[in-house]
Amino acid sequence: MSNEVLFITGFLLFIALILGIDLGMFSKREKVISLKQAAIMSAVVVSLSIGFYFLLLAEGHQLHGIDSFAKLKQVIISHKHDIALVPSSLTESIQVYNRNLGIEFLTGYVIEYALSIDNIFVIVLIFSAFSVPEKYYHRVLFWGILGAILMRFLFIFLGAALIKEFGWILYIFGAFLIFTGIKMFFSRQEDEKIDPENHPVVKIASKFFKIHPHFEGKKFFHKVRGKKIMTPLFIVLLIVEFTDLIFAVDSIPAIFAVTKDPYIVFFSNIFAILGLRSMFFLLVNIIHKFHYLKTGLAFLLTFIGLKMLLHDYLKDWGFTTGHSLIIILFILTSSIVASLLFPKKKKDYI
């Protein structure tokens, strides 16, 4: 069995353990997740993500079974890493490679985590539009995130295969991200609304399945005359999954701007998704205060798109992943600080 298979299998078992603990601790309790619980959950997930970063610093070369200069060079060429090796020392070269791998993971994690905040805006709208009781938020998000992990796995490795086969597709990704960023900037002040009756997912589901008119506790399905039919809670879950699918179209190409290693893209994606649920409960009541965040995300997507288009020129200028991380953190921090320093007037929330 290859190192990649062992690494990814161990990672998936680790994620399954986290989700299993989460399901056992919270899903059986039909109550609202408190701010304290959300803070603890967030701290745990962020700590695990930072711990994984240090694991890559120490043992990142084990991911692809690097044990020689030949293997190291092969991996660097295959995944297009922009690093300079130390020809006289394999050990030092591996350290350089591991540091670069760690920075790529951290940068991808920050990008995905930031874009997840925009996802939270939409999830809040979905829950509000369908009048979902707060005590069921966690159940929907848990199963929504489980579905998101499976979708991201397929999307990322399919995307990596396409990039490896058709390198020019990166320019399409870059142009798309710039388009998305510009579109987000000009639509940042528009009020987003969800129409429960006319949402595409509701229309499609109602054509093929019977839908129960009201919630039946935490059930996704309810028996009527011996037949199982969907409850509105399951429809909400489907819409959350559909929403994540749309966001994945932005976020996955964005991380491929940082690294072409599909495993690092997957790891950074999944850690950020695991943090989405706890971040939701932290921000659900205050997210409206970060009104400049969409502007920041618009600049973030545009920057990443430009980086993809101008990659060769930036490489010649000595632009590294570390520089990208600094710029990304600056954009996000500036948008958050600006939101706090220049809050919206109360009448703007009405």
Protein backbone atom coordinates (compact mmCIF):
# COMPACT_ATOMS: atom_id res chain seq x y z
CA MET A 1 0.00 0.00 0.00
CA SER A 2 1.42 3.42 -1.02
CA ASN A 3 2.24 6.21 1.43
CA GLU A 4 -0.50 8.40 -0.08
CA VAL A 5 -3.17 5.75 0.53
CA LEU A 6 -1.98 5.17 4.11
CA PHE A 7 -1.87 8.92 4.80
CA ILE A 8 -5.32 9.65 3.37
CA THR A 9 -6.82 6.55 5.07
CA GLY A 10 -5.42 7.63 8.42
CA PHE A 11 -6.70 11.16 7.86
CA LEU A 12 -10.22 9.98 6.96
CA LEU A 13 -10.31 7.70 10.03
CA PHE A 14 -9.23 10.68 12.14
CA ILE A 15 -12.03 12.83 10.66
CA ALA A 16 -14.52 10.00 11.20
CA LEU A 17 -13.46 9.87 14.86
CA ILE A 18 -13.98 13.63 15.26
CA LEU A 19 -17.41 13.47 13.61
CA GLY A 20 -18.34 10.41 15.70
CA ILE A 21 -17.44 12.20 18.93
CA ASP A 22 -19.35 15.26 17.75
CA LEU A 23 -22.42 13.20 16.87
CA GLY A 24 -22.35 11.44 20.22
CA MET A 25 -21.88 14.63 22.23
CA PHE A 26 -24.30 17.01 20.57
CA SER A 27 -26.69 15.42 18.07
CA LYS A 28 -28.68 13.47 20.65
CA ARG A 29 -29.44 16.63 22.56
CA GLU A 30 -32.22 18.64 21.05
CA LYS A 31 -31.11 22.01 22.37
CA VAL A 32 -29.50 25.18 21.11
CA ILE A 33 -25.69 25.11 20.95
CA SER A 34 -24.43 27.73 23.39
CA LEU A 35 -21.77 30.33 22.66
CA LYS A 36 -19.46 28.56 25.14
CA GLN A 37 -19.89 25.20 23.40
CA ALA A 38 -19.29 26.82 20.00
CA ALA A 39 -16.14 28.51 21.31
CA ILE A 40 -14.81 25.20 22.66
CA MET A 41 -15.62 23.40 19.41
CA SER A 42 -13.89 26.15 17.39
CA ALA A 43 -10.82 26.09 19.63
CA VAL A 44 -10.53 22.31 19.29
CA VAL A 45 -10.83 22.31 15.48
CA VAL A 46 -8.41 25.22 15.04
CA SER A 47 -5.94 23.53 17.42
CA LEU A 48 -6.17 20.31 15.41
CA SER A 49 -5.56 22.27 12.20
CA ILE A 50 -2.47 23.95 13.68
CA GLY A 51 -1.33 20.57 14.97
CA PHE A 52 -1.63 19.16 11.45
CA TYR A 53 0.49 22.06 10.18
CA PHE A 54 3.26 21.08 12.60
CA LEU A 55 2.87 17.44 11.57
CA LEU A 56 3.55 18.47 7.96
CA LEU A 57 6.59 20.46 9.07
CA ALA A 58 8.01 17.36 10.74
CA GLU A 59 6.78 14.50 8.52
CA GLY A 60 5.28 16.07 5.39
CA HIS A 61 7.72 14.20 3.14
CA GLN A 62 6.21 10.91 4.32
CA LEU A 63 2.99 11.80 2.46
CA HIS A 64 4.57 10.91 -0.89
CA GLY A 65 7.21 8.55 0.49
CA ILE A 66 10.17 10.83 -0.22
CA ASP A 67 13.40 9.02 0.68
CA SER A 68 15.82 10.20 -2.01
CA PHE A 69 16.72 13.24 -4.11
CA ALA A 70 15.24 11.54 -7.17
CA LYS A 71 11.87 11.02 -5.45
CA LEU A 72 11.92 14.54 -4.00
CA LYS A 73 12.56 16.12 -7.42
CA GLN A 74 9.86 13.95 -8.99
CA VAL A 75 7.27 15.11 -6.42
CA ILE A 76 8.30 18.77 -6.78
CA ILE A 77 7.94 18.63 -10.56
CA SER A 78 4.68 16.67 -10.40
CA HIS A 79 3.02 19.12 -7.98
CA LYS A 80 4.78 22.25 -9.29
CA HIS A 81 6.24 23.35 -5.94
CA ASP A 82 8.19 26.63 -6.15
CA ILE A 83 11.14 25.77 -3.89
CA ALA A 84 14.93 25.73 -4.11
CA LEU A 85 16.59 22.58 -2.79
CA VAL A 86 19.94 22.25 -1.00
CA PRO A 87 21.90 20.00 -3.41
CA SER A 88 24.47 18.98 -0.81
CA SER A 89 21.98 17.71 1.78
CA LEU A 90 18.87 15.55 1.39
CA THR A 91 17.90 16.23 5.02
CA GLU A 92 17.98 20.03 4.55
CA SER A 93 16.16 19.74 1.22
CA ILE A 94 13.41 17.71 2.88
CA GLN A 95 13.14 20.38 5.60
CA VAL A 96 12.72 23.04 2.90
CA TYR A 97 10.07 20.89 1.20
CA ASN A 98 8.20 20.27 4.47
CA ARG A 99 8.19 23.98 5.35
CA ASN A 100 6.76 24.79 1.93
CA LEU A 101 4.13 22.05 2.32
CA GLY A 102 3.14 23.45 5.71
CA ILE A 103 2.80 27.00 4.34
CA GLU A 104 0.70 25.71 1.42
CA PHE A 105 -1.62 23.90 3.85
CA LEU A 106 -1.90 26.92 6.14
CA THR A 107 -2.59 29.31 3.24
CA GLY A 108 -5.20 27.00 1.74
CA TYR A 109 -6.80 26.57 5.17
CA VAL A 110 -7.06 30.35 5.69
CA ILE A 111 -8.57 30.84 2.21
CA GLU A 112 -11.17 28.11 2.70
CA TYR A 113 -11.98 29.24 6.24
CA ALA A 114 -12.50 32.82 5.03
CA LEU A 115 -14.72 31.77 2.13
CA SER A 116 -16.72 29.61 4.57
CA ILE A 117 -17.82 32.79 6.32
CA ASP A 118 -19.66 33.83 3.16
CA ASN A 119 -21.28 30.40 3.23
CA ILE A 120 -22.50 31.15 6.77
CA PHE A 121 -24.32 34.27 5.52
CA VAL A 122 -26.34 32.08 3.14
CA ILE A 123 -26.98 29.29 5.68
CA VAL A 124 -28.38 31.86 8.11
CA LEU A 125 -30.76 33.01 5.36
CA ILE A 126 -31.79 29.42 4.62
CA PHE A 127 -32.59 28.63 8.25
CA SER A 128 -34.48 31.89 8.59
CA ALA A 129 -36.47 31.45 5.37
CA PHE A 130 -37.62 27.95 6.37
CA SER A 131 -38.15 28.90 10.05
CA VAL A 132 -35.91 26.08 11.26
CA PRO A 133 -35.95 25.85 15.09
CA GLU A 134 -32.50 26.70 16.50
CA LYS A 135 -32.25 23.39 18.34
CA TYR A 136 -32.10 21.58 14.96
CA TYR A 137 -29.34 23.76 13.45
CA HIS A 138 -26.61 21.41 14.63
CA ARG A 139 -28.28 18.31 13.15
CA VAL A 140 -28.61 19.90 9.70
CA LEU A 141 -25.05 21.25 9.77
CA PHE A 142 -23.57 17.94 10.93
CA TRP A 143 -25.05 15.93 8.05
CA GLY A 144 -24.48 18.83 5.67
CA ILE A 145 -20.78 18.85 6.48
CA LEU A 146 -20.56 15.06 6.12
CA GLY A 147 -21.99 15.40 2.61
CA ALA A 148 -19.64 18.30 1.90
CA ILE A 149 -16.60 16.16 2.79
CA LEU A 150 -17.65 13.50 0.27
CA MET A 151 -18.30 16.07 -2.46
CA ARG A 152 -15.00 17.89 -1.84
CA PHE A 153 -13.10 14.60 -2.04
CA LEU A 154 -14.51 13.93 -5.51
CA PHE A 155 -14.14 17.52 -6.73
CA ILE A 156 -10.56 17.97 -5.54
CA PHE A 157 -9.10 14.79 -6.97
CA LEU A 158 -11.05 15.23 -10.22
CA GLY A 159 -9.75 18.82 -10.43
CA ALA A 160 -6.18 17.65 -9.77
CA ALA A 161 -6.47 15.07 -12.56
CA LEU A 162 -7.76 17.73 -14.97
CA ILE A 163 -4.96 20.15 -14.05
CA LYS A 164 -2.33 17.45 -14.50
CA GLU A 165 -3.74 16.53 -17.91
CA PHE A 166 -4.70 20.03 -19.08
CA GLY A 167 -2.44 22.65 -17.45
CA TRP A 168 -4.20 25.49 -19.27
CA ILE A 169 -7.33 24.90 -17.18
CA LEU A 170 -5.65 26.91 -14.40
CA TYR A 171 -6.05 30.04 -16.55
CA ILE A 172 -9.78 29.30 -16.82
CA PHE A 173 -9.95 28.91 -13.02
CA GLY A 174 -8.06 32.20 -12.61
CA ALA A 175 -10.35 34.12 -14.96
CA PHE A 176 -13.41 32.62 -13.25
CA LEU A 177 -12.18 33.70 -9.80
CA ILE A 178 -11.54 37.24 -11.03
CA PHE A 179 -15.06 37.33 -12.53
CA THR A 180 -16.53 36.01 -9.26
CA GLY A 181 -14.57 38.54 -7.20
CA ILE A 182 -15.68 41.49 -9.35
CA LYS A 183 -19.28 40.26 -9.31
CA MET A 184 -19.18 39.88 -5.52
CA PHE A 185 -17.79 43.41 -5.14
CA PHE A 186 -20.55 45.06 -7.15
CA SER A 187 -23.33 42.98 -5.54
CA ARG A 188 -22.00 43.29 -1.96
CA GLN A 189 -24.71 45.79 -0.92
CA GLU A 190 -27.61 43.78 -2.33
CA ASP A 191 -29.93 42.05 0.12
CA GLU A 192 -29.85 38.29 -0.42
CA LYS A 193 -33.19 36.53 -0.06
CA ILE A 194 -34.31 32.91 -0.16
CA ASP A 195 -37.77 32.08 -1.46
CA PRO A 196 -38.74 28.73 0.14
CA GLU A 197 -41.42 27.92 -2.41
CA ASN A 198 -39.49 28.84 -5.56
CA HIS A 199 -36.01 27.61 -4.64
CA PRO A 200 -34.70 25.24 -7.40
CA VAL A 201 -34.03 22.44 -4.90
CA VAL A 202 -37.60 22.65 -3.55
CA LYS A 203 -39.07 22.59 -7.06
CA ILE A 204 -37.01 19.58 -8.14
CA ALA A 205 -37.63 17.63 -4.91
CA SER A 206 -41.38 18.28 -5.02
CA LYS A 207 -41.57 16.91 -8.57
CA PHE A 208 -40.20 13.51 -7.56
CA PHE A 209 -41.05 13.17 -3.88
CA LYS A 210 -43.88 13.95 -1.48
CA ILE A 211 -42.97 16.55 1.12
CA HIS A 212 -44.53 16.74 4.57
CA PRO A 213 -46.06 20.19 5.23
CA HIS A 214 -44.37 20.75 8.61
CA PHE A 215 -41.43 19.77 10.80
CA GLU A 216 -41.64 16.51 12.71
CA GLY A 217 -39.08 17.14 15.43
CA LYS A 218 -35.55 16.37 14.26
CA LYS A 219 -36.74 13.79 11.69
CA PHE A 220 -35.63 14.04 8.06
CA PHE A 221 -38.38 11.60 7.05
CA HIS A 222 -41.85 10.94 8.47
CA LYS A 223 -44.16 7.98 7.97
CA VAL A 224 -47.64 8.74 6.64
CA ARG A 225 -49.93 5.75 5.98
CA GLY A 226 -46.90 3.46 6.06
CA LYS A 227 -44.89 5.50 3.54
CA LYS A 228 -41.81 7.59 4.33
CA ILE A 229 -41.96 11.15 3.04
CA MET A 230 -39.51 14.05 3.29
CA THR A 231 -39.88 16.62 6.01
CA PRO A 232 -39.00 20.30 5.52
CA LEU A 233 -35.86 19.65 7.61
CA PHE A 234 -34.53 17.29 4.93
CA ILE A 235 -35.31 19.88 2.24
CA VAL A 236 -33.25 22.38 4.24
CA LEU A 237 -30.41 19.84 4.36
CA LEU A 238 -30.57 19.42 0.59
CA ILE A 239 -30.41 23.19 0.10
CA VAL A 240 -27.41 23.46 2.45
CA GLU A 241 -25.66 20.74 0.41
CA PHE A 242 -26.56 22.54 -2.83
CA THR A 243 -25.19 25.79 -1.40
CA ASP A 244 -21.90 24.11 -0.47
CA LEU A 245 -21.69 22.72 -3.99
CA ILE A 246 -21.93 26.26 -5.37
CA PHE A 247 -19.31 27.56 -2.94
CA ALA A 248 -16.97 24.67 -3.78
CA VAL A 249 -16.84 25.98 -7.35
CA ASP A 250 -15.09 29.09 -5.95
CA SER A 251 -13.10 27.71 -3.06
CA ILE A 252 -11.47 24.64 -4.63
CA PRO A 253 -9.95 26.50 -7.63
CA ALA A 254 -8.80 29.18 -5.15
CA ILE A 255 -6.73 26.66 -3.19
CA PHE A 256 -5.28 25.20 -6.39
CA ALA A 257 -3.75 28.66 -6.85
CA VAL A 258 -1.70 27.93 -3.72
CA THR A 259 -0.78 24.27 -4.25
CA LYS A 260 -1.22 21.67 -6.97
CA ASP A 261 -0.88 18.82 -4.46
CA PRO A 262 -4.46 17.42 -4.24
CA TYR A 263 -3.81 15.95 -0.79
CA ILE A 264 -2.87 19.35 0.65
CA VAL A 265 -5.91 20.89 -1.06
CA PHE A 266 -8.10 18.19 0.49
CA PHE A 267 -6.58 18.46 3.98
CA SER A 268 -6.94 22.25 4.10
CA ASN A 269 -10.50 22.05 2.74
CA ILE A 270 -11.65 19.45 5.23
CA PHE A 271 -10.17 21.15 8.30
CA ALA A 272 -11.89 24.40 7.27
CA ILE A 273 -15.21 22.59 6.68
CA LEU A 274 -14.97 20.93 10.10
CA GLY A 275 -14.64 24.40 11.59
CA LEU A 276 -17.62 25.75 9.66
CA ARG A 277 -20.22 24.31 12.04
CA SER A 278 -18.70 25.73 15.23
CA MET A 279 -17.95 29.04 13.48
CA PHE A 280 -21.61 29.22 12.46
CA PHE A 281 -22.76 29.09 16.10
CA LEU A 282 -20.14 31.70 17.05
CA LEU A 283 -21.12 34.14 14.31
CA VAL A 284 -24.83 33.50 13.72
CA ASN A 285 -25.93 36.43 15.91
CA ILE A 286 -23.15 38.89 15.03
CA ILE A 287 -22.25 38.10 11.42
CA HIS A 288 -24.23 41.12 10.17
CA LYS A 289 -21.69 43.34 11.93
CA PHE A 290 -18.93 42.30 9.51
CA HIS A 291 -20.44 44.23 6.61
CA TYR A 292 -17.07 44.84 4.91
CA LEU A 293 -16.26 41.14 4.84
CA LYS A 294 -17.86 40.61 1.44
CA THR A 295 -15.69 43.41 0.09
CA GLY A 296 -12.65 41.67 1.56
CA LEU A 297 -13.66 38.32 0.06
CA ALA A 298 -14.17 40.01 -3.32
CA PHE A 299 -10.59 41.35 -3.19
CA LEU A 300 -9.38 37.95 -1.97
CA LEU A 301 -10.90 36.06 -4.91
CA THR A 302 -9.63 38.66 -7.39
CA PHE A 303 -6.12 38.48 -5.95
CA ILE A 304 -6.09 34.66 -6.13
CA GLY A 305 -7.40 34.76 -9.71
CA LEU A 306 -4.67 37.21 -10.72
CA LYS A 307 -2.08 35.01 -9.01
CA MET A 308 -3.21 32.07 -11.14
CA LEU A 309 -3.03 34.08 -14.36
CA LEU A 310 0.32 35.70 -13.55
CA HIS A 311 1.93 32.73 -11.83
CA ASP A 312 4.98 32.50 -14.13
CA TYR A 313 5.74 36.22 -13.84
CA LEU A 314 5.32 36.19 -10.05
CA LYS A 315 7.64 33.19 -9.81
CA ASP A 316 10.34 35.10 -11.72
CA TRP A 317 9.94 38.02 -9.30
CA GLY A 318 10.47 35.71 -6.31
CA PHE A 319 6.83 35.78 -5.16
CA THR A 320 6.23 32.81 -2.82
CA THR A 321 3.33 31.11 -1.05
CA GLY A 322 4.44 32.90 2.12
CA HIS A 323 3.89 36.25 0.39
CA SER A 324 0.42 35.08 -0.66
CA LEU A 325 -0.42 34.15 2.94
CA ILE A 326 0.63 37.62 4.17
CA ILE A 327 -1.52 39.38 1.54
CA ILE A 328 -4.52 37.13 2.25
CA LEU A 329 -4.28 37.73 6.01
CA PHE A 330 -3.93 41.48 5.37
CA ILE A 331 -7.08 41.56 3.19
CA LEU A 332 -9.15 39.60 5.73
CA THR A 333 -7.88 41.48 8.78
CA SER A 334 -8.48 44.84 7.08
CA SER A 335 -12.09 43.96 6.21
CA ILE A 336 -12.83 42.78 9.77
CA VAL A 337 -11.15 45.80 11.41
CA ALA A 338 -12.91 48.20 9.01
CA SER A 339 -16.26 46.58 9.90
CA LEU A 340 -15.63 47.15 13.60
CA LEU A 341 -14.24 50.68 13.22
CA PHE A 342 -16.99 51.84 10.84
CA PRO A 343 -20.15 49.96 11.88
CA LYS A 344 -23.36 50.24 9.94
CA LYS A 345 -25.99 52.55 11.31
CA LYS A 346 -28.91 50.80 12.99
CA LYS A 347 -31.31 51.88 10.27
CA ASP A 348 -29.22 49.84 7.78
CA TYR A 349 -30.19 46.62 9.54
CA ILE A 350 -33.92 47.32 9.28
